[in-house]
Amino acid sequence: MQGSESAGDKPARREETLGESIRYFCVLLLAVFAVRSLVVEPFNIPSGSMIPTLQIGDFVLVSKFSYGYSRFSFPFSPNVFSGRILGSEPHRGDVAVFRFTRDTSVDYIKRIIGLPGDHIQVTGGKLILNGIEVPRTALGHYEVLDENNRLLSGDRYRESLPGSAGRPPVEHDILKLTDEGFANDTPEYVVPEGSFFAMGDDRDDSADSRFQGDGPDDLGFVPMQNLVGRAPIVLFSMDMRHPAWQFWYWPTEIRWNRFLHSVT
């Protein structure tokens, strides 16, 4: 009879449907891989080293094409090439994600303070760039809990970091807890070629390029190859004071005022 479907056609059609599903799934995986590797990737902020600019529990979108691509741009960091493809130099003041110098499986996020050839020093808690004190304006007292629920109590300042490549100064906020200790009175550092100098905006609670020793947390100068991308925006933010499975706290822990918050 015409138009009838034989029993032998049904398994073939099921196999065809299964094959199409597998193809669609593979295409979807490739698309996700391409977007995360080449365009944008989300990152969570687990620590307070960038307070007050970034809060613990922020989820930032990182632009993967801002500085070109290295092996650290891709999942699992395949060691198939060295250096950067379509590379461009970062700018002073950028908030950037990069790989930790002592363990490249770990992501760090800091502010880029110095570029190759820059002379950097901290004296009495104040940042000196190329022999000139970086201007800052007091904004008042500031308190916040860090990732260990410790109360950080200090002063908030607006720093005016000189721009690079003809750009205007970058106005951004920093937190100062003290003017004492090694991190507030450092030797002068000269940033070598192919590297940058990074600091946290929470100047007294940040393991950053001021620490140049052999300790497990010492960052030192960061090779340009370690750059992953620039973080221009907070996608959303959660206070995360309770375990994620306690969903009834979610409405009160979402920081509604940080949705699509610009990072400067």
C-alpha atoms as a PDB file:
ATOM      1  CA  MET A   1       0.000   0.000   0.000  1.00  0.00           C
ATOM      2  CA  GLN A   2       1.367   3.428  -0.896  1.00  0.00           C
ATOM      3  CA  GLY A   3       2.108   5.841   1.952  1.00  0.00           C
ATOM      4  CA  SER A   4       2.535   3.073   4.499  1.00  0.00           C
ATOM      5  CA  GLU A   5       5.646   2.973   6.692  1.00  0.00           C
ATOM      6  CA  SER A   6       7.420  -0.332   6.850  1.00  0.00           C
ATOM      7  CA  ALA A   7       8.705  -1.698  10.144  1.00  0.00           C
ATOM      8  CA  GLY A   8      12.252  -1.438   8.814  1.00  0.00           C
ATOM      9  CA  ASP A   9      11.967   2.348   8.404  1.00  0.00           C
ATOM     10  CA  LYS A  10      11.377   3.050  12.115  1.00  0.00           C
ATOM     11  CA  PRO A  11      14.812   2.062  13.484  1.00  0.00           C
ATOM     12  CA  ALA A  12      16.483   4.012  10.674  1.00  0.00           C
ATOM     13  CA  ARG A  13      14.447   7.104  11.530  1.00  0.00           C
ATOM     14  CA  ARG A  14      15.257   6.744  15.232  1.00  0.00           C
ATOM     15  CA  GLU A  15      18.956   6.457  14.379  1.00  0.00           C
ATOM     16  CA  GLU A  16      18.687   9.560  12.180  1.00  0.00           C
ATOM     17  CA  THR A  17      17.009  11.518  15.005  1.00  0.00           C
ATOM     18  CA  LEU A  18      19.673  10.380  17.476  1.00  0.00           C
ATOM     19  CA  GLY A  19      22.410  11.365  15.027  1.00  0.00           C
ATOM     20  CA  GLU A  20      20.897  14.833  14.581  1.00  0.00           C
ATOM     21  CA  SER A  21      20.713  15.296  18.362  1.00  0.00           C
ATOM     22  CA  ILE A  22      24.365  14.348  18.744  1.00  0.00           C
ATOM     23  CA  ARG A  23      25.345  16.761  15.968  1.00  0.00           C
ATOM     24  CA  TYR A  24      23.358  19.599  17.538  1.00  0.00           C
ATOM     25  CA  PHE A  25      24.959  18.859  20.913  1.00  0.00           C
ATOM     26  CA  CYS A  26      28.456  18.899  19.396  1.00  0.00           C
ATOM     27  CA  VAL A  27      27.750  22.183  17.602  1.00  0.00           C
ATOM     28  CA  LEU A  28      26.483  23.673  20.881  1.00  0.00           C
ATOM     29  CA  LEU A  29      29.620  22.550  22.720  1.00  0.00           C
ATOM     30  CA  LEU A  30      31.824  24.044  20.007  1.00  0.00           C
ATOM     31  CA  ALA A  31      29.888  27.326  20.162  1.00  0.00           C
ATOM     32  CA  VAL A  32      30.253  27.520  23.955  1.00  0.00           C
ATOM     33  CA  PHE A  33      33.964  26.678  23.652  1.00  0.00           C
ATOM     34  CA  ALA A  34      34.451  29.382  21.014  1.00  0.00           C
ATOM     35  CA  VAL A  35      32.578  32.065  22.972  1.00  0.00           C
ATOM     36  CA  ARG A  36      34.404  31.313  26.244  1.00  0.00           C
ATOM     37  CA  SER A  37      37.785  31.153  24.507  1.00  0.00           C
ATOM     38  CA  LEU A  38      37.501  34.062  22.093  1.00  0.00           C
ATOM     39  CA  VAL A  39      34.783  36.462  23.257  1.00  0.00           C
ATOM     40  CA  VAL A  40      33.722  36.543  26.931  1.00  0.00           C
ATOM     41  CA  GLU A  41      33.969  34.337  29.988  1.00  0.00           C
ATOM     42  CA  PRO A  42      32.360  34.733  33.432  1.00  0.00           C
ATOM     43  CA  PHE A  43      34.516  34.770  36.558  1.00  0.00           C
ATOM     44  CA  ASN A  44      33.535  34.730  40.224  1.00  0.00           C
ATOM     45  CA  ILE A  45      35.249  36.983  42.785  1.00  0.00           C
ATOM     46  CA  PRO A  46      36.134  34.771  45.794  1.00  0.00           C
ATOM     47  CA  SER A  47      38.261  37.175  47.866  1.00  0.00           C
ATOM     48  CA  GLY A  48      38.344  40.770  49.045  1.00  0.00           C
ATOM     49  CA  SER A  49      41.603  41.918  47.442  1.00  0.00           C
ATOM     50  CA  MET A  50      39.752  44.222  45.005  1.00  0.00           C
ATOM     51  CA  ILE A  51      37.377  45.816  47.523  1.00  0.00           C
ATOM     52  CA  PRO A  52      35.824  48.401  47.112  1.00  0.00           C
ATOM     53  CA  THR A  53      35.829  48.080  43.291  1.00  0.00           C
ATOM     54  CA  LEU A  54      34.785  44.424  43.338  1.00  0.00           C
ATOM     55  CA  GLN A  55      32.854  42.696  46.090  1.00  0.00           C
ATOM     56  CA  ILE A  56      33.117  39.086  47.217  1.00  0.00           C
ATOM     57  CA  GLY A  57      30.401  37.247  45.294  1.00  0.00           C
ATOM     58  CA  ASP A  58      30.560  39.436  42.189  1.00  0.00           C
ATOM     59  CA  PHE A  59      30.379  37.622  38.865  1.00  0.00           C
ATOM     60  CA  VAL A  60      32.286  39.573  36.239  1.00  0.00           C
ATOM     61  CA  LEU A  61      32.304  39.179  32.475  1.00  0.00           C
ATOM     62  CA  VAL A  62      35.837  39.128  31.109  1.00  0.00           C
ATOM     63  CA  SER A  63      36.569  40.298  27.578  1.00  0.00           C
ATOM     64  CA  LYS A  64      38.856  37.626  26.097  1.00  0.00           C
ATOM     65  CA  PHE A  65      39.852  39.653  23.022  1.00  0.00           C
ATOM     66  CA  SER A  66      41.058  42.786  24.855  1.00  0.00           C
ATOM     67  CA  TYR A  67      44.713  41.740  24.899  1.00  0.00           C
ATOM     68  CA  GLY A  68      44.780  39.061  22.215  1.00  0.00           C
ATOM     69  CA  TYR A  69      45.079  35.360  22.922  1.00  0.00           C
ATOM     70  CA  SER A  70      47.596  33.127  24.657  1.00  0.00           C
ATOM     71  CA  ARG A  71      47.352  29.487  25.639  1.00  0.00           C
ATOM     72  CA  PHE A  72      45.702  30.680  28.860  1.00  0.00           C
ATOM     73  CA  SER A  73      42.755  31.964  26.828  1.00  0.00           C
ATOM     74  CA  PHE A  74      41.616  28.399  26.211  1.00  0.00           C
ATOM     75  CA  PRO A  75      40.216  25.703  28.513  1.00  0.00           C
ATOM     76  CA  PHE A  76      42.928  23.463  30.000  1.00  0.00           C
ATOM     77  CA  SER A  77      45.619  25.939  28.773  1.00  0.00           C
ATOM     78  CA  PRO A  78      46.962  23.711  25.966  1.00  0.00           C
ATOM     79  CA  ASN A  79      50.694  24.275  25.522  1.00  0.00           C
ATOM     80  CA  VAL A  80      50.512  24.452  21.726  1.00  0.00           C
ATOM     81  CA  PHE A  81      52.072  27.896  21.254  1.00  0.00           C
ATOM     82  CA  SER A  82      53.889  30.589  23.231  1.00  0.00           C
ATOM     83  CA  GLY A  83      53.389  34.338  23.412  1.00  0.00           C
ATOM     84  CA  ARG A  84      50.192  36.054  22.278  1.00  0.00           C
ATOM     85  CA  ILE A  85      48.227  36.037  19.039  1.00  0.00           C
ATOM     86  CA  LEU A  86      46.765  39.406  17.990  1.00  0.00           C
ATOM     87  CA  GLY A  87      48.314  40.716  21.193  1.00  0.00           C
ATOM     88  CA  SER A  88      47.899  44.285  22.393  1.00  0.00           C
ATOM     89  CA  GLU A  89      49.395  45.901  25.485  1.00  0.00           C
ATOM     90  CA  PRO A  90      47.082  46.488  28.444  1.00  0.00           C
ATOM     91  CA  HIS A  91      46.510  49.982  29.773  1.00  0.00           C
ATOM     92  CA  ARG A  92      47.362  51.362  33.161  1.00  0.00           C
ATOM     93  CA  GLY A  93      44.300  51.158  35.365  1.00  0.00           C
ATOM     94  CA  ASP A  94      42.747  48.133  33.635  1.00  0.00           C
ATOM     95  CA  VAL A  95      41.132  45.566  35.928  1.00  0.00           C
ATOM     96  CA  ALA A  96      42.407  42.324  34.438  1.00  0.00           C
ATOM     97  CA  VAL A  97      42.188  38.576  34.977  1.00  0.00           C
ATOM     98  CA  PHE A  98      45.456  36.691  34.616  1.00  0.00           C
ATOM     99  CA  ARG A  99      47.110  33.444  35.653  1.00  0.00           C
ATOM    100  CA  PHE A 100      49.045  33.320  38.910  1.00  0.00           C
ATOM    101  CA  THR A 101      52.787  33.327  38.330  1.00  0.00           C
ATOM    102  CA  ARG A 102      53.459  30.386  40.677  1.00  0.00           C
ATOM    103  CA  ASP A 103      50.538  28.215  39.620  1.00  0.00           C
ATOM    104  CA  THR A 104      49.069  28.953  36.205  1.00  0.00           C
ATOM    105  CA  SER A 105      45.966  26.893  36.963  1.00  0.00           C
ATOM    106  CA  VAL A 106      44.866  29.679  39.339  1.00  0.00           C
ATOM    107  CA  ASP A 107      43.140  32.864  38.126  1.00  0.00           C
ATOM    108  CA  TYR A 108      43.886  36.233  39.736  1.00  0.00           C
ATOM    109  CA  ILE A 109      42.134  39.555  39.242  1.00  0.00           C
ATOM    110  CA  LYS A 110      43.943  42.816  40.038  1.00  0.00           C
ATOM    111  CA  ARG A 111      44.410  46.324  38.714  1.00  0.00           C
ATOM    112  CA  ILE A 112      47.305  46.948  36.326  1.00  0.00           C
ATOM    113  CA  ILE A 113      49.408  49.684  37.918  1.00  0.00           C
ATOM    114  CA  GLY A 114      52.656  49.528  35.977  1.00  0.00           C
ATOM    115  CA  LEU A 115      53.749  48.719  32.425  1.00  0.00           C
ATOM    116  CA  PRO A 116      57.213  47.921  31.033  1.00  0.00           C
ATOM    117  CA  GLY A 117      59.721  50.594  32.028  1.00  0.00           C
ATOM    118  CA  ASP A 118      57.576  52.072  34.818  1.00  0.00           C
ATOM    119  CA  HIS A 119      59.193  52.795  38.201  1.00  0.00           C
ATOM    120  CA  ILE A 120      56.854  51.930  41.081  1.00  0.00           C
ATOM    121  CA  GLN A 121      57.204  52.383  44.817  1.00  0.00           C
ATOM    122  CA  VAL A 122      54.929  52.666  47.852  1.00  0.00           C
ATOM    123  CA  THR A 123      56.081  55.115  50.539  1.00  0.00           C
ATOM    124  CA  GLY A 124      54.097  55.769  53.701  1.00  0.00           C
ATOM    125  CA  GLY A 125      51.143  53.971  52.138  1.00  0.00           C
ATOM    126  CA  LYS A 126      51.133  56.246  49.082  1.00  0.00           C
ATOM    127  CA  LEU A 127      51.724  55.043  45.532  1.00  0.00           C
ATOM    128  CA  ILE A 128      54.656  56.604  43.665  1.00  0.00           C
ATOM    129  CA  LEU A 129      54.676  56.142  39.879  1.00  0.00           C
ATOM    130  CA  ASN A 130      57.724  57.244  37.899  1.00  0.00           C
ATOM    131  CA  GLY A 131      58.851  59.502  40.728  1.00  0.00           C
ATOM    132  CA  ILE A 132      55.486  61.268  41.162  1.00  0.00           C
ATOM    133  CA  GLU A 133      53.003  60.613  43.954  1.00  0.00           C
ATOM    134  CA  VAL A 134      49.704  59.394  42.512  1.00  0.00           C
ATOM    135  CA  PRO A 135      46.968  61.857  43.614  1.00  0.00           C
ATOM    136  CA  ARG A 136      44.198  60.581  45.848  1.00  0.00           C
ATOM    137  CA  THR A 137      41.208  62.171  47.565  1.00  0.00           C
ATOM    138  CA  ALA A 138      39.764  61.000  50.888  1.00  0.00           C
ATOM    139  CA  LEU A 139      36.146  59.825  50.634  1.00  0.00           C
ATOM    140  CA  GLY A 140      35.530  58.823  54.249  1.00  0.00           C
ATOM    141  CA  HIS A 141      35.423  55.758  56.475  1.00  0.00           C
ATOM    142  CA  TYR A 142      34.651  52.328  55.005  1.00  0.00           C
ATOM    143  CA  GLU A 143      33.767  48.973  56.588  1.00  0.00           C
ATOM    144  CA  VAL A 144      33.184  45.597  54.960  1.00  0.00           C
ATOM    145  CA  LEU A 145      33.464  41.880  55.794  1.00  0.00           C
ATOM    146  CA  ASP A 146      36.139  39.908  53.947  1.00  0.00           C
ATOM    147  CA  GLU A 147      35.950  36.280  52.760  1.00  0.00           C
ATOM    148  CA  ASN A 148      36.785  35.087  56.301  1.00  0.00           C
ATOM    149  CA  ASN A 149      34.050  37.241  57.875  1.00  0.00           C
ATOM    150  CA  ARG A 150      36.672  39.581  59.321  1.00  0.00           C
ATOM    151  CA  LEU A 151      35.644  43.216  59.578  1.00  0.00           C
ATOM    152  CA  LEU A 152      37.858  45.417  57.416  1.00  0.00           C
ATOM    153  CA  SER A 153      37.720  48.949  58.768  1.00  0.00           C
ATOM    154  CA  GLY A 154      39.632  51.691  57.013  1.00  0.00           C
ATOM    155  CA  ASP A 155      39.522  54.738  54.800  1.00  0.00           C
ATOM    156  CA  ARG A 156      38.287  54.962  51.238  1.00  0.00           C
ATOM    157  CA  TYR A 157      40.169  57.101  48.713  1.00  0.00           C
ATOM    158  CA  ARG A 158      39.672  58.004  45.072  1.00  0.00           C
ATOM    159  CA  GLU A 159      42.974  57.528  43.280  1.00  0.00           C
ATOM    160  CA  SER A 160      43.814  59.190  39.966  1.00  0.00           C
ATOM    161  CA  LEU A 161      46.174  56.784  38.213  1.00  0.00           C
ATOM    162  CA  PRO A 162      47.961  58.292  35.186  1.00  0.00           C
ATOM    163  CA  GLY A 163      46.691  56.773  31.953  1.00  0.00           C
ATOM    164  CA  SER A 164      48.881  55.146  29.336  1.00  0.00           C
ATOM    165  CA  ALA A 165      49.104  55.461  25.544  1.00  0.00           C
ATOM    166  CA  GLY A 166      47.676  58.992  25.666  1.00  0.00           C
ATOM    167  CA  ARG A 167      44.633  58.038  27.727  1.00  0.00           C
ATOM    168  CA  PRO A 168      43.310  60.259  30.549  1.00  0.00           C
ATOM    169  CA  PRO A 169      43.885  59.349  34.205  1.00  0.00           C
ATOM    170  CA  VAL A 170      41.868  56.426  35.573  1.00  0.00           C
ATOM    171  CA  GLU A 171      39.761  57.466  38.555  1.00  0.00           C
ATOM    172  CA  HIS A 172      39.130  54.513  40.849  1.00  0.00           C
ATOM    173  CA  ASP A 173      38.542  53.854  44.539  1.00  0.00           C
ATOM    174  CA  ILE A 174      40.937  52.122  46.922  1.00  0.00           C
ATOM    175  CA  LEU A 175      40.679  50.955  50.534  1.00  0.00           C
ATOM    176  CA  LYS A 176      43.432  51.712  53.054  1.00  0.00           C
ATOM    177  CA  LEU A 177      43.510  49.901  56.405  1.00  0.00           C
ATOM    178  CA  THR A 178      46.939  51.073  57.587  1.00  0.00           C
ATOM    179  CA  ASP A 179      50.059  52.899  56.430  1.00  0.00           C
ATOM    180  CA  GLU A 180      52.413  50.505  58.198  1.00  0.00           C
ATOM    181  CA  GLY A 181      54.172  47.305  57.164  1.00  0.00           C
ATOM    182  CA  PHE A 182      56.261  46.233  54.183  1.00  0.00           C
ATOM    183  CA  ALA A 183      53.468  46.694  51.619  1.00  0.00           C
ATOM    184  CA  ASN A 184      53.321  50.396  52.539  1.00  0.00           C
ATOM    185  CA  ASP A 185      57.076  51.050  52.384  1.00  0.00           C
ATOM    186  CA  THR A 186      58.571  49.127  49.493  1.00  0.00           C
ATOM    187  CA  PRO A 187      61.737  49.377  47.450  1.00  0.00           C
ATOM    188  CA  GLU A 188      61.467  50.868  43.978  1.00  0.00           C
ATOM    189  CA  TYR A 189      60.442  48.345  41.335  1.00  0.00           C
ATOM    190  CA  VAL A 190      61.225  48.701  37.633  1.00  0.00           C
ATOM    191  CA  VAL A 191      58.799  46.745  35.455  1.00  0.00           C
ATOM    192  CA  PRO A 192      60.731  44.588  32.948  1.00  0.00           C
ATOM    193  CA  GLU A 193      59.856  44.175  29.283  1.00  0.00           C
ATOM    194  CA  GLY A 194      57.064  41.707  28.628  1.00  0.00           C
ATOM    195  CA  SER A 195      55.576  42.074  32.122  1.00  0.00           C
ATOM    196  CA  PHE A 196      53.234  44.265  34.155  1.00  0.00           C
ATOM    197  CA  PHE A 197      52.849  45.271  37.811  1.00  0.00           C
ATOM    198  CA  ALA A 198      49.491  44.480  39.453  1.00  0.00           C
ATOM    199  CA  MET A 199      47.965  45.611  42.744  1.00  0.00           C
ATOM    200  CA  GLY A 200      44.685  45.053  44.539  1.00  0.00           C
ATOM    201  CA  ASP A 201      42.432  48.018  45.301  1.00  0.00           C
ATOM    202  CA  ASP A 202      42.263  46.770  48.898  1.00  0.00           C
ATOM    203  CA  ARG A 203      45.856  47.884  49.300  1.00  0.00           C
ATOM    204  CA  ASP A 204      46.489  46.265  52.680  1.00  0.00           C
ATOM    205  CA  ASP A 205      44.794  42.926  52.045  1.00  0.00           C
ATOM    206  CA  SER A 206      46.168  41.953  48.646  1.00  0.00           C
ATOM    207  CA  ALA A 207      48.944  39.540  47.647  1.00  0.00           C
ATOM    208  CA  ASP A 208      50.222  41.332  44.564  1.00  0.00           C
ATOM    209  CA  SER A 209      53.308  42.485  42.656  1.00  0.00           C
ATOM    210  CA  ARG A 210      54.714  44.300  45.689  1.00  0.00           C
ATOM    211  CA  PHE A 211      55.686  40.867  46.969  1.00  0.00           C
ATOM    212  CA  GLN A 212      58.664  39.704  44.913  1.00  0.00           C
ATOM    213  CA  GLY A 213      60.120  36.941  47.081  1.00  0.00           C
ATOM    214  CA  ASP A 214      59.973  33.162  46.924  1.00  0.00           C
ATOM    215  CA  GLY A 215      56.932  32.727  49.153  1.00  0.00           C
ATOM    216  CA  PRO A 216      54.023  30.624  47.862  1.00  0.00           C
ATOM    217  CA  ASP A 217      51.755  33.693  47.666  1.00  0.00           C
ATOM    218  CA  ASP A 218      54.306  36.114  46.191  1.00  0.00           C
ATOM    219  CA  LEU A 219      53.094  37.319  42.799  1.00  0.00           C
ATOM    220  CA  GLY A 220      56.012  39.383  41.494  1.00  0.00           C
ATOM    221  CA  PHE A 221      55.944  40.835  37.990  1.00  0.00           C
ATOM    222  CA  VAL A 222      53.326  39.171  35.781  1.00  0.00           C
ATOM    223  CA  PRO A 223      54.264  38.056  32.239  1.00  0.00           C
ATOM    224  CA  MET A 224      51.993  39.506  29.548  1.00  0.00           C
ATOM    225  CA  GLN A 225      51.442  35.942  28.354  1.00  0.00           C
ATOM    226  CA  ASN A 226      49.542  35.230  31.584  1.00  0.00           C
ATOM    227  CA  LEU A 227      46.793  37.732  30.719  1.00  0.00           C
ATOM    228  CA  VAL A 228      43.342  36.204  30.247  1.00  0.00           C
ATOM    229  CA  GLY A 229      41.290  39.340  29.643  1.00  0.00           C
ATOM    230  CA  ARG A 230      39.893  42.630  30.915  1.00  0.00           C
ATOM    231  CA  ALA A 231      36.958  42.783  33.330  1.00  0.00           C
ATOM    232  CA  PRO A 232      34.756  45.737  32.269  1.00  0.00           C
ATOM    233  CA  ILE A 233      31.457  44.800  33.927  1.00  0.00           C
ATOM    234  CA  VAL A 234      29.845  43.004  36.868  1.00  0.00           C
ATOM    235  CA  LEU A 235      27.149  40.727  35.483  1.00  0.00           C
ATOM    236  CA  PHE A 236      25.460  40.143  38.850  1.00  0.00           C
ATOM    237  CA  SER A 237      26.413  39.781  42.507  1.00  0.00           C
ATOM    238  CA  MET A 238      25.398  37.725  45.547  1.00  0.00           C
ATOM    239  CA  ASP A 239      26.330  38.192  49.192  1.00  0.00           C
ATOM    240  CA  MET A 240      26.705  34.395  49.581  1.00  0.00           C
ATOM    241  CA  ARG A 241      26.641  34.335  53.376  1.00  0.00           C
ATOM    242  CA  HIS A 242      24.685  31.078  53.309  1.00  0.00           C
ATOM    243  CA  PRO A 243      25.227  27.788  51.404  1.00  0.00           C
ATOM    244  CA  ALA A 244      23.909  27.888  47.837  1.00  0.00           C
ATOM    245  CA  TRP A 245      21.346  25.138  48.515  1.00  0.00           C
ATOM    246  CA  GLN A 246      19.545  27.389  51.029  1.00  0.00           C
ATOM    247  CA  PHE A 247      17.644  29.014  48.172  1.00  0.00           C
ATOM    248  CA  TRP A 248      15.212  30.831  50.464  1.00  0.00           C
ATOM    249  CA  TYR A 249      18.016  33.303  51.257  1.00  0.00           C
ATOM    250  CA  TRP A 250      18.645  34.114  47.596  1.00  0.00           C
ATOM    251  CA  PRO A 251      16.269  37.115  47.314  1.00  0.00           C
ATOM    252  CA  THR A 252      17.950  38.856  50.259  1.00  0.00           C
ATOM    253  CA  GLU A 253      21.506  37.945  49.206  1.00  0.00           C
ATOM    254  CA  ILE A 254      21.279  39.215  45.631  1.00  0.00           C
ATOM    255  CA  ARG A 255      22.887  42.643  45.345  1.00  0.00           C
ATOM    256  CA  TRP A 256      20.355  44.169  42.992  1.00  0.00           C
ATOM    257  CA  ASN A 257      22.313  47.430  42.670  1.00  0.00           C
ATOM    258  CA  ARG A 258      25.297  45.604  41.120  1.00  0.00           C
ATOM    259  CA  PHE A 259      23.506  44.141  38.088  1.00  0.00           C
ATOM    260  CA  LEU A 260      25.470  45.199  34.975  1.00  0.00           C
ATOM    261  CA  HIS A 261      27.649  47.409  37.176  1.00  0.00           C
ATOM    262  CA  SER A 262      30.537  49.037  35.307  1.00  0.00           C
ATOM    263  CA  VAL A 263      34.054  48.269  36.582  1.00  0.00           C
ATOM    264  CA  THR A 264      36.369  51.294  36.668  1.00  0.00           C
END
